[in-house]
């Protein structure tokens, strides 16, 4: 991989990430940078997990929790865009092309 490809990769968030530390998709380093999410042309701040390539987000279902104390979530399908908030006003946006 060239330096340019590595640099581009660090400029956009991963394809899938979760805020749950027990998830295989948890990435503390990326989450610390702050990730902005746009779902169906609306900026969302309540996203628990997302997947750009599959086109879905998970959001908490009110205050309901499961028997292990984890929040119950709803999976909603639609176009997802993500960007790192620490890159300023015009950051590169990760989105599904096509």
PDB file of N, CA and C in Angstrom:
ATOM      1  N   UNK A   1       0.845  -1.171   0.000  1.00  0.00           N
ATOM      2  CA  UNK A   1       0.000   0.000   0.000  1.00  0.00           C
ATOM      3  C   UNK A   1       0.896   1.242   0.000  1.00  0.00           C
ATOM      4  N   UNK A   2       0.572   2.191  -0.841  1.00  0.00           N
ATOM      5  CA  UNK A   2       1.382   3.405  -0.916  1.00  0.00           C
ATOM      6  C   UNK A   2       1.055   4.342   0.243  1.00  0.00           C
ATOM      7  N   UNK A   3       1.933   5.337   0.457  1.00  0.00           N
ATOM      8  CA  UNK A   3       1.692   6.314   1.516  1.00  0.00           C
ATOM      9  C   UNK A   3       0.400   7.076   1.277  1.00  0.00           C
ATOM     10  N   UNK A   4       0.081   7.362   0.007  1.00  0.00           N
ATOM     11  CA  UNK A   4      -1.146   8.088  -0.321  1.00  0.00           C
ATOM     12  C   UNK A   4      -2.374   7.279   0.085  1.00  0.00           C
ATOM     13  N   UNK A   5      -2.372   5.965  -0.208  1.00  0.00           N
ATOM     14  CA  UNK A   5      -3.505   5.127   0.166  1.00  0.00           C
ATOM     15  C   UNK A   5      -3.639   5.047   1.677  1.00  0.00           C
ATOM     16  N   UNK A   6      -2.536   4.929   2.401  1.00  0.00           N
ATOM     17  CA  UNK A   6      -2.560   4.888   3.854  1.00  0.00           C
ATOM     18  C   UNK A   6      -3.116   6.195   4.408  1.00  0.00           C
ATOM     19  N   UNK A   7      -2.674   7.321   3.847  1.00  0.00           N
ATOM     20  CA  UNK A   7      -3.139   8.626   4.288  1.00  0.00           C
ATOM     21  C   UNK A   7      -4.639   8.781   4.034  1.00  0.00           C
ATOM     22  N   UNK A   8      -5.126   8.349   2.847  1.00  0.00           N
ATOM     23  CA  UNK A   8      -6.548   8.431   2.530  1.00  0.00           C
ATOM     24  C   UNK A   8      -7.356   7.587   3.508  1.00  0.00           C
ATOM     25  N   UNK A   9      -6.845   6.404   3.855  1.00  0.00           N
ATOM     26  CA  UNK A   9      -7.529   5.503   4.769  1.00  0.00           C
ATOM     27  C   UNK A   9      -7.687   6.146   6.154  1.00  0.00           C
ATOM     28  N   UNK A  10      -6.681   6.891   6.606  1.00  0.00           N
ATOM     29  CA  UNK A  10      -6.752   7.517   7.925  1.00  0.00           C
ATOM     30  C   UNK A  10      -7.625   8.767   7.920  1.00  0.00           C
ATOM     31  N   UNK A  11      -8.022   9.212   6.736  1.00  0.00           N
ATOM     32  CA  UNK A  11      -8.852  10.408   6.630  1.00  0.00           C
ATOM     33  C   UNK A  11     -10.344  10.099   6.667  1.00  0.00           C
ATOM     34  N   UNK A  12     -10.721   8.842   6.496  1.00  0.00           N
ATOM     35  CA  UNK A  12     -12.136   8.462   6.548  1.00  0.00           C
ATOM     36  C   UNK A  12     -12.336   7.365   7.589  1.00  0.00           C
ATOM     37  N   UNK A  13     -13.493   7.357   8.253  1.00  0.00           N
ATOM     38  CA  UNK A  13     -13.770   6.338   9.273  1.00  0.00           C
ATOM     39  C   UNK A  13     -13.890   4.943   8.664  1.00  0.00           C
ATOM     40  N   UNK A  14     -13.805   3.907   9.499  1.00  0.00           N
ATOM     41  CA  UNK A  14     -13.956   2.539   9.006  1.00  0.00           C
ATOM     42  C   UNK A  14     -15.359   2.303   8.440  1.00  0.00           C
ATOM     43  N   UNK A  15     -15.494   1.275   7.615  1.00  0.00           N
ATOM     44  CA  UNK A  15     -16.773   0.919   7.001  1.00  0.00           C
ATOM     45  C   UNK A  15     -17.824   0.587   8.053  1.00  0.00           C
ATOM     46  N   UNK A  16     -17.398  -0.025   9.144  1.00  0.00           N
ATOM     47  CA  UNK A  16     -18.341  -0.422  10.201  1.00  0.00           C
ATOM     48  C   UNK A  16     -17.685  -0.161  11.548  1.00  0.00           C
ATOM     49  N   UNK A  17     -18.473   0.382  12.466  1.00  0.00           N
ATOM     50  CA  UNK A  17     -17.948   0.639  13.812  1.00  0.00           C
ATOM     51  C   UNK A  17     -19.097   0.585  14.810  1.00  0.00           C
ATOM     52  N   UNK A  18     -18.775   0.226  16.040  1.00  0.00           N
ATOM     53  CA  UNK A  18     -19.754   0.147  17.117  1.00  0.00           C
ATOM     54  C   UNK A  18     -19.221   0.888  18.338  1.00  0.00           C
ATOM     55  N   UNK A  19     -20.118   1.500  19.108  1.00  0.00           N
ATOM     56  CA  UNK A  19     -19.702   2.168  20.345  1.00  0.00           C
ATOM     57  C   UNK A  19     -19.664   1.200  21.522  1.00  0.00           C
ATOM     58  N   UNK A  20     -20.144  -0.027  21.326  1.00  0.00           N
ATOM     59  CA  UNK A  20     -20.145  -1.048  22.372  1.00  0.00           C
ATOM     60  C   UNK A  20     -18.761  -1.689  22.459  1.00  0.00           C
ATOM     61  N   UNK A  21     -18.104  -1.548  23.599  1.00  0.00           N
ATOM     62  CA  UNK A  21     -16.747  -2.065  23.783  1.00  0.00           C
ATOM     63  C   UNK A  21     -16.670  -3.589  23.660  1.00  0.00           C
ATOM     64  N   UNK A  22     -17.780  -4.288  23.799  1.00  0.00           N
ATOM     65  CA  UNK A  22     -17.785  -5.749  23.691  1.00  0.00           C
ATOM     66  C   UNK A  22     -17.938  -6.215  22.239  1.00  0.00           C
ATOM     67  N   UNK A  23     -18.186  -5.311  21.315  1.00  0.00           N
ATOM     68  CA  UNK A  23     -18.376  -5.661  19.909  1.00  0.00           C
ATOM     69  C   UNK A  23     -17.039  -5.874  19.206  1.00  0.00           C
ATOM     70  N   UNK A  24     -17.040  -6.750  18.216  1.00  0.00           N
ATOM     71  CA  UNK A  24     -15.847  -6.960  17.389  1.00  0.00           C
ATOM     72  C   UNK A  24     -15.541  -5.724  16.535  1.00  0.00           C
ATOM     73  N   UNK A  25     -16.514  -4.836  16.381  1.00  0.00           N
ATOM     74  CA  UNK A  25     -16.351  -3.645  15.547  1.00  0.00           C
ATOM     75  C   UNK A  25     -16.053  -2.390  16.363  1.00  0.00           C
ATOM     76  N   UNK A  26     -15.744  -2.554  17.644  1.00  0.00           N
ATOM     77  CA  UNK A  26     -15.378  -1.424  18.500  1.00  0.00           C
ATOM     78  C   UNK A  26     -13.972  -0.968  18.150  1.00  0.00           C
ATOM     79  N   UNK A  27     -13.770   0.345  17.976  1.00  0.00           N
ATOM     80  CA  UNK A  27     -12.458   0.922  17.646  1.00  0.00           C
ATOM     81  C   UNK A  27     -12.298   2.211  18.446  1.00  0.00           C
ATOM     82  N   UNK A  28     -11.697   2.102  19.619  1.00  0.00           N
ATOM     83  CA  UNK A  28     -11.575   3.245  20.531  1.00  0.00           C
ATOM     84  C   UNK A  28     -10.825   4.410  19.890  1.00  0.00           C
ATOM     85  N   UNK A  29      -9.777   4.114  19.135  1.00  0.00           N
ATOM     86  CA  UNK A  29      -8.973   5.173  18.516  1.00  0.00           C
ATOM     87  C   UNK A  29      -9.814   6.010  17.548  1.00  0.00           C
ATOM     88  N   UNK A  30     -10.607   5.360  16.715  1.00  0.00           N
ATOM     89  CA  UNK A  30     -11.469   6.077  15.775  1.00  0.00           C
ATOM     90  C   UNK A  30     -12.564   6.849  16.510  1.00  0.00           C
ATOM     91  N   UNK A  31     -13.147   6.232  17.526  1.00  0.00           N
ATOM     92  CA  UNK A  31     -14.224   6.885  18.271  1.00  0.00           C
ATOM     93  C   UNK A  31     -13.727   8.128  19.011  1.00  0.00           C
ATOM     94  N   UNK A  32     -12.483   8.101  19.501  1.00  0.00           N
ATOM     95  CA  UNK A  32     -11.933   9.261  20.194  1.00  0.00           C
ATOM     96  C   UNK A  32     -11.800  10.461  19.272  1.00  0.00           C
ATOM     97  N   UNK A  33     -11.594  10.202  17.985  1.00  0.00           N
ATOM     98  CA  UNK A  33     -11.486  11.299  17.011  1.00  0.00           C
ATOM     99  C   UNK A  33     -12.835  11.965  16.781  1.00  0.00           C
ATOM    100  N   UNK A  34     -13.908  11.267  17.058  1.00  0.00           N
ATOM    101  CA  UNK A  34     -15.248  11.783  16.816  1.00  0.00           C
ATOM    102  C   UNK A  34     -15.683  11.443  15.398  1.00  0.00           C
ATOM    103  N   UNK A  35     -16.799  10.758  15.270  1.00  0.00           N
ATOM    104  CA  UNK A  35     -17.308  10.373  13.954  1.00  0.00           C
ATOM    105  C   UNK A  35     -18.682  10.998  13.762  1.00  0.00           C
ATOM    106  N   UNK A  36     -18.807  11.756  12.684  1.00  0.00           N
ATOM    107  CA  UNK A  36     -20.103  12.322  12.323  1.00  0.00           C
ATOM    108  C   UNK A  36     -20.823  11.347  11.407  1.00  0.00           C
ATOM    109  N   UNK A  37     -22.136  11.221  11.582  1.00  0.00           N
ATOM    110  CA  UNK A  37     -22.941  10.298  10.777  1.00  0.00           C
ATOM    111  C   UNK A  37     -24.095  11.063  10.143  1.00  0.00           C
ATOM    112  N   UNK A  38     -24.240  10.878   8.834  1.00  0.00           N
ATOM    113  CA  UNK A  38     -25.412  11.396   8.126  1.00  0.00           C
ATOM    114  C   UNK A  38     -26.163  10.180   7.607  1.00  0.00           C
ATOM    115  N   UNK A  39     -27.444  10.099   7.990  1.00  0.00           N
ATOM    116  CA  UNK A  39     -28.294   8.981   7.591  1.00  0.00           C
ATOM    117  C   UNK A  39     -29.547   9.546   6.946  1.00  0.00           C
ATOM    118  N   UNK A  40     -29.794   9.162   5.712  1.00  0.00           N
ATOM    119  CA  UNK A  40     -30.942   9.678   4.951  1.00  0.00           C
ATOM    120  C   UNK A  40     -30.954  11.204   4.969  1.00  0.00           C
ATOM    121  N   UNK A  41     -29.815  11.801   4.676  1.00  0.00           N
ATOM    122  CA  UNK A  41     -29.639  13.260   4.575  1.00  0.00           C
ATOM    123  C   UNK A  41     -29.891  14.010   5.886  1.00  0.00           C
ATOM    124  N   UNK A  42     -29.778  13.324   7.019  1.00  0.00           N
ATOM    125  CA  UNK A  42     -29.944  13.971   8.326  1.00  0.00           C
ATOM    126  C   UNK A  42     -28.783  13.564   9.232  1.00  0.00           C
ATOM    127  N   UNK A  43     -28.146  14.536   9.864  1.00  0.00           N
ATOM    128  CA  UNK A  43     -27.048  14.244  10.781  1.00  0.00           C
ATOM    129  C   UNK A  43     -27.632  13.620  12.042  1.00  0.00           C
ATOM    130  N   UNK A  44     -27.058  12.474  12.439  1.00  0.00           N
ATOM    131  CA  UNK A  44     -27.548  11.740  13.611  1.00  0.00           C
ATOM    132  C   UNK A  44     -26.476  11.713  14.686  1.00  0.00           C
ATOM    133  N   UNK A  45     -26.886  11.875  15.930  1.00  0.00           N
ATOM    134  CA  UNK A  45     -25.958  11.808  17.060  1.00  0.00           C
ATOM    135  C   UNK A  45     -26.278  10.638  17.989  1.00  0.00           C
ATOM    136  N   UNK A  46     -27.280   9.832  17.626  1.00  0.00           N
ATOM    137  CA  UNK A  46     -27.736   8.735  18.491  1.00  0.00           C
ATOM    138  C   UNK A  46     -27.389   7.348  17.942  1.00  0.00           C
ATOM    139  N   UNK A  47     -26.403   7.265  17.066  1.00  0.00           N
ATOM    140  CA  UNK A  47     -26.062   6.005  16.411  1.00  0.00           C
ATOM    141  C   UNK A  47     -25.179   5.150  17.315  1.00  0.00           C
ATOM    142  N   UNK A  48     -25.585   3.903  17.538  1.00  0.00           N
ATOM    143  CA  UNK A  48     -24.821   2.944  18.338  1.00  0.00           C
ATOM    144  C   UNK A  48     -23.829   2.173  17.470  1.00  0.00           C
ATOM    145  N   UNK A  49     -24.204   1.902  16.230  1.00  0.00           N
ATOM    146  CA  UNK A  49     -23.372   1.145  15.292  1.00  0.00           C
ATOM    147  C   UNK A  49     -23.826   1.503  13.888  1.00  0.00           C
ATOM    148  N   UNK A  50     -22.896   1.436  12.929  1.00  0.00           N
ATOM    149  CA  UNK A  50     -23.264   1.663  11.534  1.00  0.00           C
ATOM    150  C   UNK A  50     -22.448   0.773  10.620  1.00  0.00           C
ATOM    151  N   UNK A  51     -22.944   0.580   9.402  1.00  0.00           N
ATOM    152  CA  UNK A  51     -22.203  -0.118   8.353  1.00  0.00           C
ATOM    153  C   UNK A  51     -22.498   0.613   7.042  1.00  0.00           C
ATOM    154  N   UNK A  52     -21.477   1.230   6.476  1.00  0.00           N
ATOM    155  CA  UNK A  52     -21.658   2.010   5.247  1.00  0.00           C
ATOM    156  C   UNK A  52     -21.941   1.090   4.064  1.00  0.00           C
ATOM    157  N   UNK A  53     -21.141   0.024   3.892  1.00  0.00           N
ATOM    158  CA  UNK A  53     -21.283  -0.840   2.716  1.00  0.00           C
ATOM    159  C   UNK A  53     -22.627  -1.572   2.681  1.00  0.00           C
ATOM    160  N   UNK A  54     -23.173  -1.912   3.841  1.00  0.00           N
ATOM    161  CA  UNK A  54     -24.464  -2.604   3.884  1.00  0.00           C
ATOM    162  C   UNK A  54     -25.627  -1.630   4.007  1.00  0.00           C
ATOM    163  N   UNK A  55     -25.359  -0.359   4.300  1.00  0.00           N
ATOM    164  CA  UNK A  55     -26.397   0.670   4.337  1.00  0.00           C
ATOM    165  C   UNK A  55     -27.364   0.563   5.500  1.00  0.00           C
ATOM    166  N   UNK A  56     -26.845   0.584   6.738  1.00  0.00           N
ATOM    167  CA  UNK A  56     -27.721   0.559   7.913  1.00  0.00           C
ATOM    168  C   UNK A  56     -27.053   1.208   9.117  1.00  0.00           C
ATOM    169  N   UNK A  57     -27.898   1.602  10.078  1.00  0.00           N
ATOM    170  CA  UNK A  57     -27.434   2.083  11.378  1.00  0.00           C
ATOM    171  C   UNK A  57     -28.231   1.356  12.453  1.00  0.00           C
ATOM    172  N   UNK A  58     -27.687   1.335  13.666  1.00  0.00           N
ATOM    173  CA  UNK A  58     -28.418   0.838  14.835  1.00  0.00           C
ATOM    174  C   UNK A  58     -28.568   1.997  15.812  1.00  0.00           C
ATOM    175  N   UNK A  59     -29.782   2.184  16.293  1.00  0.00           N
ATOM    176  CA  UNK A  59     -30.051   3.223  17.284  1.00  0.00           C
ATOM    177  C   UNK A  59     -30.749   2.584  18.476  1.00  0.00           C
ATOM    178  N   UNK A  60     -30.568   3.177  19.636  1.00  0.00           N
ATOM    179  CA  UNK A  60     -31.164   2.641  20.857  1.00  0.00           C
ATOM    180  C   UNK A  60     -32.682   2.799  20.807  1.00  0.00           C
ATOM    181  N   UNK A  61     -33.383   1.760  21.267  1.00  0.00           N
ATOM    182  CA  UNK A  61     -34.847   1.752  21.309  1.00  0.00           C
ATOM    183  C   UNK A  61     -35.301   2.314  22.655  1.00  0.00           C
ATOM    184  N   UNK A  62     -35.331   3.630  22.774  1.00  0.00           N
ATOM    185  CA  UNK A  62     -35.726   4.273  24.022  1.00  0.00           C
ATOM    186  C   UNK A  62     -34.766   3.938  25.145  1.00  0.00           C
ATOM    187  N   UNK A  63     -35.296   3.717  26.335  1.00  0.00           N
ATOM    188  CA  UNK A  63     -34.465   3.395  27.498  1.00  0.00           C
ATOM    189  C   UNK A  63     -34.453   1.897  27.795  1.00  0.00           C
ATOM    190  N   UNK A  64     -35.021   1.103  26.897  1.00  0.00           N
ATOM    191  CA  UNK A  64     -35.145  -0.336  27.088  1.00  0.00           C
ATOM    192  C   UNK A  64     -33.779  -1.023  27.037  1.00  0.00           C
ATOM    193  N   UNK A  65     -33.561  -1.959  27.968  1.00  0.00           N
ATOM    194  CA  UNK A  65     -32.316  -2.734  27.996  1.00  0.00           C
ATOM    195  C   UNK A  65     -32.651  -4.219  28.009  1.00  0.00           C
ATOM    196  N   UNK A  66     -31.685  -5.048  27.571  1.00  0.00           N
ATOM    197  CA  UNK A  66     -31.894  -6.491  27.599  1.00  0.00           C
ATOM    198  C   UNK A  66     -31.543  -7.035  28.978  1.00  0.00           C
ATOM    199  N   UNK A  67     -31.593  -8.339  29.149  1.00  0.00           N
ATOM    200  CA  UNK A  67     -31.352  -8.936  30.468  1.00  0.00           C
ATOM    201  C   UNK A  67     -29.914  -8.793  30.944  1.00  0.00           C
ATOM    202  N   UNK A  68     -29.008  -8.440  30.040  1.00  0.00           N
ATOM    203  CA  UNK A  68     -27.614  -8.210  30.415  1.00  0.00           C
ATOM    204  C   UNK A  68     -27.317  -6.732  30.644  1.00  0.00           C
ATOM    205  N   UNK A  69     -28.337  -5.893  30.528  1.00  0.00           N
ATOM    206  CA  UNK A  69     -28.155  -4.465  30.761  1.00  0.00           C
ATOM    207  C   UNK A  69     -27.716  -3.674  29.533  1.00  0.00           C
ATOM    208  N   UNK A  70     -27.626  -4.349  28.384  1.00  0.00           N
ATOM    209  CA  UNK A  70     -27.248  -3.673  27.140  1.00  0.00           C
ATOM    210  C   UNK A  70     -28.494  -3.031  26.523  1.00  0.00           C
ATOM    211  N   UNK A  71     -28.341  -1.862  25.902  1.00  0.00           N
ATOM    212  CA  UNK A  71     -29.510  -1.224  25.286  1.00  0.00           C
ATOM    213  C   UNK A  71     -30.047  -2.048  24.113  1.00  0.00           C
ATOM    214  N   UNK A  72     -31.364  -2.117  24.014  1.00  0.00           N
ATOM    215  CA  UNK A  72     -31.971  -2.752  22.846  1.00  0.00           C
ATOM    216  C   UNK A  72     -31.864  -1.759  21.697  1.00  0.00           C
ATOM    217  N   UNK A  73     -31.547  -2.262  20.516  1.00  0.00           N
ATOM    218  CA  UNK A  73     -31.348  -1.378  19.373  1.00  0.00           C
ATOM    219  C   UNK A  73     -32.243  -1.770  18.205  1.00  0.00           C
ATOM    220  N   UNK A  74     -32.507  -0.795  17.358  1.00  0.00           N
ATOM    221  CA  UNK A  74     -33.250  -1.004  16.125  1.00  0.00           C
ATOM    222  C   UNK A  74     -32.294  -0.822  14.960  1.00  0.00           C
ATOM    223  N   UNK A  75     -32.368  -1.708  13.992  1.00  0.00           N
ATOM    224  CA  UNK A  75     -31.547  -1.609  12.787  1.00  0.00           C
ATOM    225  C   UNK A  75     -32.394  -0.937  11.710  1.00  0.00           C
ATOM    226  N   UNK A  76     -31.900   0.188  11.194  1.00  0.00           N
ATOM    227  CA  UNK A  76     -32.627   0.962  10.191  1.00  0.00           C
ATOM    228  C   UNK A  76     -31.786   1.007   8.915  1.00  0.00           C
ATOM    229  N   UNK A  77     -32.400   0.682   7.787  1.00  0.00           N
ATOM    230  CA  UNK A  77     -31.685   0.657   6.509  1.00  0.00           C
ATOM    231  C   UNK A  77     -31.814   1.975   5.761  1.00  0.00           C
ATOM    232  N   UNK A  78     -30.742   2.328   5.056  1.00  0.00           N
ATOM    233  CA  UNK A  78     -30.733   3.548   4.256  1.00  0.00           C
ATOM    234  C   UNK A  78     -29.302   3.979   3.992  1.00  0.00           C
ATOM    235  N   UNK A  79     -29.133   5.048   3.207  1.00  0.00           N
ATOM    236  CA  UNK A  79     -27.782   5.517   2.884  1.00  0.00           C
ATOM    237  C   UNK A  79     -27.083   6.118   4.102  1.00  0.00           C
ATOM    238  N   UNK A  80     -25.828   5.691   4.328  1.00  0.00           N
ATOM    239  CA  UNK A  80     -25.039   6.136   5.477  1.00  0.00           C
ATOM    240  C   UNK A  80     -23.777   6.840   4.982  1.00  0.00           C
ATOM    241  N   UNK A  81     -23.463   7.978   5.573  1.00  0.00           N
ATOM    242  CA  UNK A  81     -22.210   8.683   5.308  1.00  0.00           C
ATOM    243  C   UNK A  81     -21.536   8.943   6.642  1.00  0.00           C
ATOM    244  N   UNK A  82     -20.202   8.831   6.681  1.00  0.00           N
ATOM    245  CA  UNK A  82     -19.463   9.038   7.931  1.00  0.00           C
ATOM    246  C   UNK A  82     -18.209   9.854   7.663  1.00  0.00           C
ATOM    247  N   UNK A  83     -17.798  10.649   8.662  1.00  0.00           N
ATOM    248  CA  UNK A  83     -16.589  11.451   8.550  1.00  0.00           C
ATOM    249  C   UNK A  83     -16.003  11.660   9.937  1.00  0.00           C
ATOM    250  N   UNK A  84     -14.702  11.953   9.966  1.00  0.00           N
ATOM    251  CA  UNK A  84     -14.057  12.272  11.238  1.00  0.00           C
ATOM    252  C   UNK A  84     -14.294  13.744  11.546  1.00  0.00           C
ATOM    253  N   UNK A  85     -14.815  14.024  12.728  1.00  0.00           N
ATOM    254  CA  UNK A  85     -15.131  15.397  13.117  1.00  0.00           C
ATOM    255  C   UNK A  85     -13.889  16.222  13.427  1.00  0.00           C
ATOM    256  N   UNK A  86     -12.748  15.567  13.701  1.00  0.00           N
ATOM    257  CA  UNK A  86     -11.540  16.314  14.042  1.00  0.00           C
ATOM    258  C   UNK A  86     -10.819  16.885  12.816  1.00  0.00           C
ATOM    259  N   UNK A  87     -11.385  16.692  11.621  1.00  0.00           N
ATOM    260  CA  UNK A  87     -10.738  17.183  10.398  1.00  0.00           C
ATOM    261  C   UNK A  87     -11.289  18.525   9.927  1.00  0.00           C
ATOM    262  N   UNK A  88     -12.130  19.164  10.729  1.00  0.00           N
ATOM    263  CA  UNK A  88     -12.598  20.506  10.395  1.00  0.00           C
ATOM    264  C   UNK A  88     -13.918  20.534   9.639  1.00  0.00           C
ATOM    265  N   UNK A  89     -14.114  21.634   8.882  1.00  0.00           N
ATOM    266  CA  UNK A  89     -15.406  21.892   8.243  1.00  0.00           C
ATOM    267  C   UNK A  89     -15.683  21.089   6.974  1.00  0.00           C
ATOM    268  N   UNK A  90     -14.663  20.703   6.227  1.00  0.00           N
ATOM    269  CA  UNK A  90     -14.851  19.976   4.975  1.00  0.00           C
ATOM    270  C   UNK A  90     -14.072  18.667   4.955  1.00  0.00           C
ATOM    271  N   UNK A  91     -14.381  17.732   5.865  1.00  0.00           N
ATOM    272  CA  UNK A  91     -13.612  16.481   5.914  1.00  0.00           C
ATOM    273  C   UNK A  91     -14.001  15.544   4.770  1.00  0.00           C
ATOM    274  N   UNK A  92     -13.106  14.623   4.393  1.00  0.00           N
ATOM    275  CA  UNK A  92     -13.488  13.583   3.428  1.00  0.00           C
ATOM    276  C   UNK A  92     -14.585  12.708   4.026  1.00  0.00           C
ATOM    277  N   UNK A  93     -15.573  12.374   3.214  1.00  0.00           N
ATOM    278  CA  UNK A  93     -16.728  11.592   3.690  1.00  0.00           C
ATOM    279  C   UNK A  93     -16.666  10.183   3.130  1.00  0.00           C
ATOM    280  N   UNK A  94     -16.846   9.189   4.008  1.00  0.00           N
ATOM    281  CA  UNK A  94     -16.932   7.790   3.576  1.00  0.00           C
ATOM    282  C   UNK A  94     -18.388   7.493   3.268  1.00  0.00           C
ATOM    283  N   UNK A  95     -18.633   7.002   2.059  1.00  0.00           N
ATOM    284  CA  UNK A  95     -20.000   6.647   1.649  1.00  0.00           C
ATOM    285  C   UNK A  95     -19.928   5.508   0.660  1.00  0.00           C
ATOM    286  N   UNK A  96     -21.048   4.839   0.491  1.00  0.00           N
ATOM    287  CA  UNK A  96     -21.123   3.741  -0.466  1.00  0.00           C
ATOM    288  C   UNK A  96     -21.329   4.355  -1.851  1.00  0.00           C
ATOM    289  N   UNK A  97     -20.451   4.012  -2.770  1.00  0.00           N
ATOM    290  CA  UNK A  97     -20.586   4.507  -4.143  1.00  0.00           C
ATOM    291  C   UNK A  97     -21.413   3.522  -4.960  1.00  0.00           C
ATOM    292  N   UNK A  98     -22.349   4.074  -5.696  1.00  0.00           N
ATOM    293  CA  UNK A  98     -23.155   3.232  -6.589  1.00  0.00           C
ATOM    294  C   UNK A  98     -24.372   2.842  -5.945  1.00  0.00           C
TER     295      UNK A  98
END
